[in-house]
Protein backbone atom coordinates (compact mmCIF):
# COMPACT_ATOMS: atom_id res chain seq x y z
CA MET A 1 -26.04 4.06 7.04
CA THR A 2 -22.75 3.10 5.44
CA THR A 3 -24.48 0.56 3.22
CA SER A 4 -26.76 3.28 1.87
CA LEU A 5 -23.80 5.54 1.21
CA LEU A 6 -21.93 2.78 -0.62
CA LEU A 7 -25.03 2.01 -2.67
CA ILE A 8 -25.29 5.65 -3.75
CA ILE A 9 -21.57 5.65 -4.63
CA GLN A 10 -22.16 2.45 -6.64
CA ILE A 11 -24.91 4.09 -8.71
CA VAL A 12 -22.75 7.16 -9.36
CA LEU A 13 -19.82 4.96 -10.40
CA VAL A 14 -22.03 3.04 -12.81
CA ILE A 15 -23.23 6.23 -14.48
CA ILE A 16 -19.70 7.65 -14.76
CA LEU A 17 -18.36 4.33 -16.06
CA VAL A 18 -21.02 4.08 -18.75
CA ILE A 19 -20.34 7.65 -19.87
CA ALA A 20 -16.57 7.05 -19.93
CA VAL A 21 -16.96 3.90 -22.03
CA LEU A 22 -19.34 5.58 -24.46
CA LEU A 23 -17.00 8.56 -24.94
CA GLN A 24 -14.08 6.38 -26.00
CA LYS A 25 -13.15 5.90 -29.61
CA SER A 26 -14.34 2.61 -30.97
CA SER A 27 -11.48 0.23 -31.69
CA SER A 28 -13.65 -2.29 -33.45
CA ILE A 29 -13.12 -2.51 -37.20
CA GLY A 30 -14.70 -5.87 -37.70
CA LEU A 31 -12.36 -8.85 -38.07
CA GLY A 32 -9.43 -6.54 -38.73
CA ALA A 33 -9.28 -5.63 -35.04
CA TYR A 34 -7.46 -8.87 -34.29
CA SER A 35 -4.93 -8.59 -37.07
CA GLY A 36 -1.82 -6.43 -37.00
CA SER A 37 -3.61 -3.08 -37.19
CA ASN A 38 -2.78 -0.21 -34.84
CA GLU A 39 -6.37 0.00 -33.65
CA SER A 40 -6.35 -3.34 -31.93
CA VAL A 41 -7.59 -3.68 -28.38
CA PHE A 42 -5.16 -1.18 -26.79
CA GLY A 43 -3.25 0.01 -29.84
CA ALA A 44 0.49 -0.32 -30.32
CA LYS A 45 1.57 1.47 -27.13
CA GLY A 46 -1.10 0.39 -24.66
CA PRO A 47 -3.81 2.48 -23.02
CA ASN A 48 -2.08 5.86 -22.98
CA SER A 49 -5.05 8.16 -23.31
CA PHE A 50 -6.52 9.91 -20.29
CA LEU A 51 -9.97 8.46 -20.97
CA ALA A 52 -8.66 4.89 -20.97
CA LYS A 53 -6.83 5.43 -17.68
CA ALA A 54 -9.89 7.09 -16.15
CA THR A 55 -12.11 4.21 -17.31
CA PHE A 56 -9.71 1.69 -15.76
CA THR A 57 -9.64 3.61 -12.46
CA ILE A 58 -13.40 3.97 -12.31
CA GLY A 59 -13.82 0.29 -13.16
CA PHE A 60 -11.39 -0.65 -10.40
CA LEU A 61 -13.28 1.51 -7.88
CA PHE A 62 -16.53 -0.09 -9.06
CA VAL A 63 -15.18 -3.60 -8.44
CA ILE A 64 -13.83 -2.69 -4.98
CA ASN A 65 -17.15 -1.05 -4.05
CA THR A 66 -19.07 -4.11 -5.28
CA ILE A 67 -16.94 -6.46 -3.18
CA THR A 68 -17.36 -4.21 -0.13
CA LEU A 69 -21.14 -4.06 -0.58
CA GLY A 70 -21.30 -7.84 -0.97
CA TYR A 71 -19.31 -8.33 2.22
CA MET A 72 -21.48 -5.89 4.17
CA TYR A 73 -24.72 -7.46 2.96
CA SER A 74 -23.48 -10.95 3.79
CA GLN A 75 -22.56 -9.81 7.31
CA SER A 76 -26.00 -8.27 7.86
CA ALA A 77 -27.67 -11.43 6.55
CA GLN A 78 -25.95 -13.48 9.25
CA ALA A 79 -27.47 -11.38 12.02
CA SER A 80 -30.64 -12.77 13.55
CA VAL A 81 -33.53 -11.19 15.39
CA VAL A 82 -32.98 -13.70 18.18
CA ASP A 83 -29.50 -12.25 18.75
CA ASN A 84 -31.10 -8.92 19.72
CA ILE A 85 -33.43 -10.34 22.38
CA THR A 86 -32.36 -9.47 25.90
CA GLU A 87 -33.27 -11.67 28.81
CA ASP A 88 -35.39 -9.90 31.43
CA THR A 89 -34.71 -11.35 34.86
CA ASN A 90 -37.50 -9.40 36.60
CA ILE A 91 -40.29 -11.50 35.15
CA VAL A 92 -42.31 -13.24 37.86
CA ALA A 93 -44.61 -16.10 37.13
CA PRO A 94 -48.25 -15.43 38.04
CA ALA A 95 -49.60 -17.05 41.15
CA ALA A 96 -51.55 -20.22 40.70
CA THR A 97 -55.29 -19.60 40.82
CA ILE A 98 -56.37 -23.21 40.61
CA PRO A 99 -58.09 -24.27 43.83
CA PRO A 100 -56.69 -27.37 45.47
CA ILE A 101 -58.47 -30.59 44.72
CA SER A 102 -60.48 -31.73 47.70
CA GLU A 103 -60.55 -35.35 48.57
CA THR A 104 -63.94 -36.95 48.39
CA ASN A 105 -65.07 -39.64 50.71
CA THR A 106 -65.25 -42.85 48.89
CA THR A 107 -66.64 -45.87 50.54
CA LYS A 108 -65.51 -49.27 49.69
């Protein structure tokens, strides 16, 4: 149940993250992005815009959810069907129906 809920949350986070990334202003201006321009990776003052902070938060939640899902799936993979078998002590072996072997007279 909780794995299904986390999987649904994961899909919603992916969609929101993609939309948040696509809405941001492109900071790529070719090779000039790595020079001293103001539109470098985070600009001169860092990620101050609301959209950048929201993208970081959503990305962080995505990573935490991914780690949690991985842990839960690894725990369920360690469980075995044999672990769920209960031993029934009321089982009685069937009575033997083989007739006894009769001795035959053998003469020497």
